Amino acid sequence: MTALPDVVTEAENSCYPNAFALEVLKNSHLDNSPLTMDWHKRAQEELQEKAEWRERDIQALRDLVVAEENLVCSSRDEFLLKFLRAKKFDYEKSFKMVQRYCAMRSRSPQNFSKSLPSLAKDTLDCQLQTVLPHRDGLARRVLIFRVGKWNTVTTTPEEIFSSNFMCLELMAKEQKTQISGIVAMIDMDGFGWDHIMQLSVDYIRNVVSLVQNSFPIRFREIHIINESYLFDMTYALVKPFLSEKIRNRIRFHGSDLDSLHRAISPSILPRDYGGDQPPFNNSQLKEALENLEDYFQELQGFGYTNNIVPSEVYEKETHPFPAFCLSGQLPE
């Protein structure tokens, strides 16, 4: 098999460090080397991060985490720094995200029951999602999720949630990705009634929560392709849960690859999407996740003791169809 290039040709014209760079997944999350001056500059400009204040900022968040009754999670620097970067070093917002991250596990444990690589092998073998080996023109990771490839007979919605959660965790361990954020590309080709019937309002709310306020990664763009009228129905349910910021970051392309390529360079995309790279494959992703079994095992213990979640962690959610649920099960 032909080796992938370290960078693609567009990199010559980019002002961002590591734009279009090839970064092998199984190694990139293990890179603890100091960030370059370019990355420090970007972190300061985009996230208000200052190296000389970092220890102080981490300790401030640690104090809030340790003082929180019934909260069980890590207080290590690398864990807390992810949340600070996701919320531009606002202590209170970072702490709220830690609370929601842990409350999410306590409130909906079924969504995390298969969030171990050893338990998610069958789901990952379905080739539903991958992380591209090359970063994009702004040095962001690109996640592709092929919803229509989901076989609802063999794979549950909760297993899908678990596998996507692990993909996010993998990317969030990369310092550069913590700073640059990610781009998500959702391929709706093949999405049908069998998929819609699996989606309760409660499940949709949990997915939206993962994207916009409960996970320490910055979703910079979300690109929807090959959507149909069935997707339009589903999006009508999702949209009321989305913040204005996230709604403004969603782009719809239909089957127009030229439109997609204006957002994501074909030089890093698989051939399946008119790109220059080999066909869609998630073997590197699976290998990288397998190497993190112990890490995901540790995460299984995070949450709130006895599910005692402070009432202020979640604002009361509203929805124009509060009793509507395609699966026939009402949310709690």
Protein backbone atom coordinates (compact mmCIF):
# COMPACT_ATOMS: atom_id res chain seq x y z
CA MET A 1 0.00 0.00 0.00
CA THR A 2 1.30 3.44 -0.92
CA ALA A 3 2.40 5.46 2.10
CA LEU A 4 0.45 8.60 2.87
CA PRO A 5 2.29 11.91 2.37
CA ASP A 6 3.44 13.75 5.49
CA VAL A 7 1.64 16.85 4.24
CA VAL A 8 -0.46 17.61 1.20
CA THR A 9 0.35 20.32 -1.34
CA GLU A 10 -1.92 23.00 0.15
CA ALA A 11 0.23 23.08 3.27
CA GLU A 12 2.71 25.27 1.47
CA ASN A 13 0.15 28.09 1.39
CA SER A 14 -1.19 27.73 4.94
CA CYS A 15 -0.27 30.02 7.80
CA TYR A 16 -1.28 27.45 10.42
CA PRO A 17 1.27 25.12 12.00
CA ASN A 18 0.64 21.47 11.15
CA ALA A 19 -1.97 22.35 8.51
CA PHE A 20 -2.72 19.23 6.40
CA ALA A 21 -0.09 17.31 8.40
CA LEU A 22 -0.18 13.54 8.65
CA GLU A 23 -0.41 12.52 12.32
CA VAL A 24 -0.79 8.81 12.97
CA LEU A 25 -3.56 8.31 15.51
CA LYS A 26 -1.91 5.56 17.52
CA ASN A 27 1.02 7.86 18.34
CA SER A 28 -0.37 11.40 18.33
CA HIS A 29 -2.28 11.15 21.61
CA LEU A 30 0.91 9.98 23.32
CA ASP A 31 2.84 13.08 22.27
CA ASN A 32 3.62 14.99 25.47
CA SER A 33 6.39 17.07 23.95
CA PRO A 34 6.21 20.84 24.57
CA LEU A 35 4.09 22.80 22.12
CA THR A 36 5.93 24.93 19.58
CA MET A 37 5.87 28.71 19.79
CA ASP A 38 3.32 28.78 16.95
CA TRP A 39 0.93 26.60 18.92
CA HIS A 40 1.47 28.63 22.08
CA LYS A 41 0.63 31.75 20.09
CA ARG A 42 -2.52 30.15 18.69
CA ALA A 43 -3.61 28.99 22.16
CA GLN A 44 -3.17 32.49 23.51
CA GLU A 45 -5.00 34.16 20.62
CA GLU A 46 -7.91 31.71 20.40
CA LEU A 47 -8.23 30.41 23.96
CA GLN A 48 -6.70 33.17 26.11
CA GLU A 49 -4.19 30.61 27.36
CA LYS A 50 -0.96 31.92 28.85
CA ALA A 51 1.85 29.51 29.65
CA GLU A 52 2.94 31.49 32.69
CA TRP A 53 -0.57 31.26 34.19
CA ARG A 54 -1.33 27.65 33.27
CA GLU A 55 -0.43 26.09 36.63
CA ARG A 56 -2.49 28.71 38.44
CA ASP A 57 -5.46 28.12 36.14
CA ILE A 58 -5.31 24.34 36.53
CA GLN A 59 -5.11 24.64 40.31
CA ALA A 60 -8.11 26.97 40.38
CA LEU A 61 -10.20 24.39 38.49
CA ARG A 62 -8.81 21.58 40.65
CA ASP A 63 -9.95 23.39 43.79
CA LEU A 64 -13.50 23.54 42.43
CA VAL A 65 -13.47 19.87 41.42
CA VAL A 66 -12.08 18.62 44.74
CA ALA A 67 -14.61 20.69 46.70
CA GLU A 68 -17.59 19.29 44.77
CA GLU A 69 -19.43 16.77 46.94
CA ASN A 70 -20.08 13.34 45.37
CA LEU A 71 -18.10 14.17 42.22
CA VAL A 72 -15.74 11.39 41.10
CA CYS A 73 -13.21 12.22 38.38
CA SER A 74 -9.52 12.82 37.82
CA SER A 75 -7.80 15.91 39.20
CA ARG A 76 -4.66 15.44 37.12
CA ASP A 77 -3.32 18.38 35.14
CA GLU A 78 -3.86 16.83 31.72
CA PHE A 79 -7.50 16.02 32.48
CA LEU A 80 -8.38 19.47 33.78
CA LEU A 81 -6.48 21.31 31.05
CA LYS A 82 -8.82 19.85 28.41
CA PHE A 83 -11.79 21.54 30.05
CA LEU A 84 -10.01 24.84 30.52
CA ARG A 85 -9.09 24.94 26.84
CA ALA A 86 -12.61 23.96 25.78
CA LYS A 87 -14.01 26.93 27.73
CA LYS A 88 -11.22 29.44 27.04
CA PHE A 89 -9.91 29.30 30.60
CA ASP A 90 -13.10 30.51 32.22
CA TYR A 91 -12.97 28.68 35.57
CA GLU A 92 -16.70 28.60 36.22
CA LYS A 93 -17.63 27.49 32.69
CA SER A 94 -14.87 24.86 32.75
CA PHE A 95 -16.11 23.52 36.06
CA LYS A 96 -19.69 23.42 34.78
CA MET A 97 -18.48 21.33 31.85
CA VAL A 98 -16.68 18.93 34.22
CA GLN A 99 -19.92 18.59 36.18
CA ARG A 100 -21.94 17.88 33.05
CA TYR A 101 -19.32 15.48 31.71
CA CYS A 102 -19.59 13.42 34.89
CA ALA A 103 -23.34 13.86 35.32
CA MET A 104 -23.83 12.59 31.77
CA ARG A 105 -22.30 9.26 32.78
CA SER A 106 -24.40 9.03 35.94
CA ARG A 107 -27.69 10.03 34.34
CA SER A 108 -27.38 7.84 31.25
CA PRO A 109 -25.07 4.92 32.07
CA GLN A 110 -26.56 2.88 29.21
CA ASN A 111 -24.85 5.19 26.72
CA PHE A 112 -21.44 4.33 28.16
CA SER A 113 -21.89 0.62 28.79
CA LYS A 114 -19.82 -0.26 25.70
CA SER A 115 -17.31 2.61 25.94
CA LEU A 116 -14.38 0.23 26.25
CA PRO A 117 -12.47 -0.71 23.07
CA SER A 118 -12.66 -4.36 24.06
CA LEU A 119 -16.48 -4.16 24.24
CA ALA A 120 -16.94 -1.98 21.14
CA LYS A 121 -15.04 -4.16 18.67
CA ASP A 122 -18.16 -5.28 16.77
CA THR A 123 -19.42 -1.70 16.42
CA LEU A 124 -16.03 -0.40 15.28
CA ASP A 125 -15.77 -3.25 12.77
CA CYS A 126 -18.88 -1.85 11.05
CA GLN A 127 -16.73 1.00 9.68
CA LEU A 128 -19.19 3.67 10.83
CA GLN A 129 -16.67 6.29 11.86
CA THR A 130 -13.07 7.28 11.39
CA VAL A 131 -10.69 10.13 12.10
CA LEU A 132 -8.76 11.24 9.04
CA PRO A 133 -4.98 10.79 9.30
CA HIS A 134 -4.33 14.28 7.91
CA ARG A 135 -5.39 17.47 9.67
CA ASP A 136 -7.32 20.06 7.66
CA GLY A 137 -6.16 23.48 6.50
CA LEU A 138 -6.65 24.94 9.98
CA ALA A 139 -4.82 21.99 11.58
CA ARG A 140 -8.05 20.52 12.95
CA ARG A 141 -8.88 16.84 13.19
CA VAL A 142 -11.69 15.64 10.91
CA LEU A 143 -14.16 13.03 12.18
CA ILE A 144 -16.36 11.21 9.65
CA PHE A 145 -19.52 9.43 10.85
CA ARG A 146 -21.49 7.35 8.33
CA VAL A 147 -24.93 7.17 9.94
CA GLY A 148 -26.54 5.23 7.11
CA LYS A 149 -24.10 2.32 7.58
CA TRP A 150 -25.62 1.68 11.01
CA ASN A 151 -27.34 -1.73 11.08
CA THR A 152 -30.13 -1.28 13.62
CA VAL A 153 -30.65 -5.04 13.87
CA THR A 154 -27.16 -5.75 15.20
CA THR A 155 -26.16 -2.44 16.81
CA THR A 156 -28.05 -0.40 19.41
CA PRO A 157 -28.16 3.41 19.62
CA GLU A 158 -26.27 3.15 22.90
CA GLU A 159 -23.45 1.25 21.19
CA ILE A 160 -23.27 4.00 18.57
CA PHE A 161 -23.06 6.60 21.34
CA SER A 162 -20.27 4.67 23.07
CA SER A 163 -18.16 4.33 19.93
CA ASN A 164 -18.55 8.01 19.01
CA PHE A 165 -17.71 9.00 22.58
CA MET A 166 -14.46 7.03 22.37
CA CYS A 167 -13.56 8.76 19.10
CA LEU A 168 -14.00 12.12 20.80
CA GLU A 169 -11.93 11.02 23.80
CA LEU A 170 -9.12 9.91 21.52
CA MET A 171 -8.98 13.27 19.77
CA ALA A 172 -9.36 15.20 23.02
CA LYS A 173 -6.15 13.62 24.34
CA GLU A 174 -4.18 15.46 21.64
CA GLN A 175 -2.89 18.84 22.81
CA LYS A 176 -3.05 20.32 19.32
CA THR A 177 -6.67 19.22 18.91
CA GLN A 178 -7.57 20.73 22.27
CA ILE A 179 -6.42 24.04 20.81
CA SER A 180 -7.58 23.77 17.20
CA GLY A 181 -10.85 21.90 17.72
CA ILE A 182 -12.40 19.42 15.30
CA VAL A 183 -14.52 19.27 12.17
CA ALA A 184 -17.30 16.67 12.01
CA MET A 185 -18.60 15.31 8.72
CA ILE A 186 -21.88 13.39 8.96
CA ASP A 187 -22.78 11.21 5.97
CA MET A 188 -26.54 10.56 5.92
CA ASP A 189 -26.53 8.31 2.85
CA GLY A 190 -28.75 5.31 3.61
CA PHE A 191 -30.44 6.94 6.61
CA GLY A 192 -33.97 5.56 6.80
CA TRP A 193 -37.03 4.89 8.91
CA ASP A 194 -35.30 2.02 10.69
CA HIS A 195 -32.79 4.54 12.06
CA ILE A 196 -35.39 7.17 12.95
CA MET A 197 -37.39 4.66 14.97
CA GLN A 198 -34.39 4.13 17.25
CA LEU A 199 -34.16 7.78 18.30
CA SER A 200 -35.95 8.93 21.42
CA VAL A 201 -36.01 12.58 22.47
CA ASP A 202 -33.94 11.62 25.50
CA TYR A 203 -31.29 10.02 23.28
CA ILE A 204 -31.22 13.03 20.95
CA ARG A 205 -30.82 15.33 23.94
CA ASN A 206 -27.85 13.29 25.17
CA VAL A 207 -26.18 13.43 21.75
CA VAL A 208 -26.67 17.19 21.55
CA SER A 209 -25.35 17.59 25.10
CA LEU A 210 -22.22 15.68 24.12
CA VAL A 211 -21.64 18.05 21.21
CA GLN A 212 -22.33 21.41 22.76
CA ASN A 213 -21.77 21.55 26.51
CA SER A 214 -20.69 18.29 28.12
CA PHE A 215 -17.51 17.24 26.34
CA PRO A 216 -14.12 19.02 26.35
CA ILE A 217 -13.57 19.48 22.66
CA ARG A 218 -14.42 22.37 20.36
CA PHE A 219 -16.71 21.52 17.44
CA ARG A 220 -15.64 24.17 14.94
CA GLU A 221 -17.70 22.96 11.96
CA ILE A 222 -20.31 20.27 11.32
CA HIS A 223 -20.90 19.26 7.71
CA ILE A 224 -23.97 17.21 6.75
CA ILE A 225 -23.87 15.41 3.39
CA ASN A 226 -26.28 13.19 1.46
CA GLU A 227 -29.20 14.27 3.63
CA SER A 228 -32.78 13.49 2.56
CA TYR A 229 -36.26 14.55 3.66
CA LEU A 230 -36.02 11.95 6.44
CA PHE A 231 -33.04 13.78 7.84
CA ASP A 232 -35.01 17.02 7.65
CA MET A 233 -37.62 15.44 9.93
CA THR A 234 -34.96 14.37 12.41
CA TYR A 235 -33.22 17.73 12.34
CA ALA A 236 -36.53 19.39 13.22
CA LEU A 237 -36.39 17.42 16.49
CA VAL A 238 -32.73 18.17 17.11
CA LYS A 239 -32.73 21.88 16.28
CA PRO A 240 -34.59 23.13 19.39
CA PHE A 241 -31.90 21.60 21.59
CA LEU A 242 -29.05 23.28 19.70
CA SER A 243 -27.50 26.54 20.81
CA GLU A 244 -27.34 29.34 18.27
CA LYS A 245 -23.56 28.96 18.16
CA ILE A 246 -23.77 25.30 17.13
CA ARG A 247 -26.61 25.95 14.64
CA ASN A 248 -24.45 28.53 12.93
CA ARG A 249 -21.64 26.00 12.56
CA ILE A 250 -23.73 23.40 10.70
CA ARG A 251 -23.51 23.30 6.91
CA PHE A 252 -25.69 21.23 4.58
CA HIS A 253 -24.22 19.99 1.30
CA GLY A 254 -26.63 17.36 -0.01
CA SER A 255 -24.82 15.35 -2.70
CA ASP A 256 -22.78 18.35 -3.87
CA LEU A 257 -19.16 17.28 -3.47
CA ASP A 258 -17.90 20.60 -4.81
CA SER A 259 -19.67 22.31 -1.92
CA LEU A 260 -18.10 19.84 0.53
CA HIS A 261 -14.65 20.35 -1.00
CA ARG A 262 -14.88 24.08 -0.47
CA ALA A 263 -15.10 23.31 3.26
CA ILE A 264 -12.84 20.26 3.51
CA SER A 265 -10.01 19.93 1.01
CA PRO A 266 -10.26 16.84 -1.23
CA SER A 267 -6.53 16.40 -0.69
CA ILE A 268 -7.26 14.90 2.76
CA LEU A 269 -10.60 13.20 2.04
CA PRO A 270 -11.06 9.50 1.14
CA ARG A 271 -11.89 8.59 -2.45
CA ASP A 272 -15.43 7.79 -1.28
CA TYR A 273 -15.97 11.56 -1.06
CA GLY A 274 -14.12 12.61 -4.20
CA GLY A 275 -10.84 12.91 -2.35
CA ASP A 276 -7.25 12.05 -3.13
CA GLN A 277 -6.66 9.65 -0.22
CA PRO A 278 -7.32 5.88 -0.05
CA PRO A 279 -10.90 4.66 0.54
CA PHE A 280 -12.60 5.06 3.93
CA ASN A 281 -10.95 2.87 6.54
CA ASN A 282 -10.88 3.00 10.32
CA SER A 283 -8.14 0.45 11.05
CA GLN A 284 -5.84 3.15 12.49
CA LEU A 285 -8.66 4.41 14.67
CA LYS A 286 -9.34 0.92 16.03
CA GLU A 287 -5.66 0.34 16.76
CA ALA A 288 -5.35 3.66 18.58
CA LEU A 289 -8.43 2.93 20.71
CA GLU A 290 -7.21 -0.56 21.55
CA ASN A 291 -4.06 1.00 23.01
CA LEU A 292 -6.23 3.09 25.36
CA GLU A 293 -8.14 0.28 27.06
CA ASP A 294 -6.76 1.20 30.50
CA TYR A 295 -7.64 4.86 30.01
CA PHE A 296 -11.25 4.07 29.13
CA GLN A 297 -11.43 1.64 32.03
CA GLU A 298 -10.52 4.52 34.35
CA LEU A 299 -13.25 6.72 32.84
CA GLN A 300 -15.84 4.06 33.71
CA GLY A 301 -15.51 5.09 37.35
CA PHE A 302 -16.25 8.78 36.73
CA GLY A 303 -19.59 10.31 37.67
CA TYR A 304 -21.57 11.30 40.74
CA THR A 305 -21.79 8.95 43.71
CA ASN A 306 -25.26 7.36 43.88
CA ASN A 307 -26.25 9.61 40.95
CA ILE A 308 -26.52 12.59 43.31
CA VAL A 309 -26.17 15.35 40.74
CA PRO A 310 -26.57 18.98 41.88
CA SER A 311 -29.78 20.43 40.48
CA GLU A 312 -27.98 23.48 39.09
CA VAL A 313 -25.80 21.36 36.77
CA TYR A 314 -28.56 21.23 34.16
CA GLU A 315 -30.83 24.07 33.23
CA LYS A 316 -34.35 22.89 32.54
CA GLU A 317 -34.49 21.85 28.91
CA THR A 318 -37.46 22.85 26.80
CA HIS A 319 -38.71 21.38 23.55
CA PRO A 320 -41.72 22.20 21.40
CA PHE A 321 -42.66 18.51 21.37
CA PRO A 322 -41.85 17.37 24.92
CA ALA A 323 -43.96 14.21 24.73
CA PHE A 324 -42.86 13.24 21.22
CA CYS A 325 -40.70 10.18 20.98
CA LEU A 326 -40.30 8.06 17.88
CA SER A 327 -39.30 4.98 19.85
CA GLY A 328 -42.50 5.18 21.88
CA GLN A 329 -40.63 5.75 25.12
CA LEU A 330 -41.02 9.05 26.92
CA PRO A 331 -37.96 10.71 28.43
CA GLU A 332 -37.82 10.88 32.21
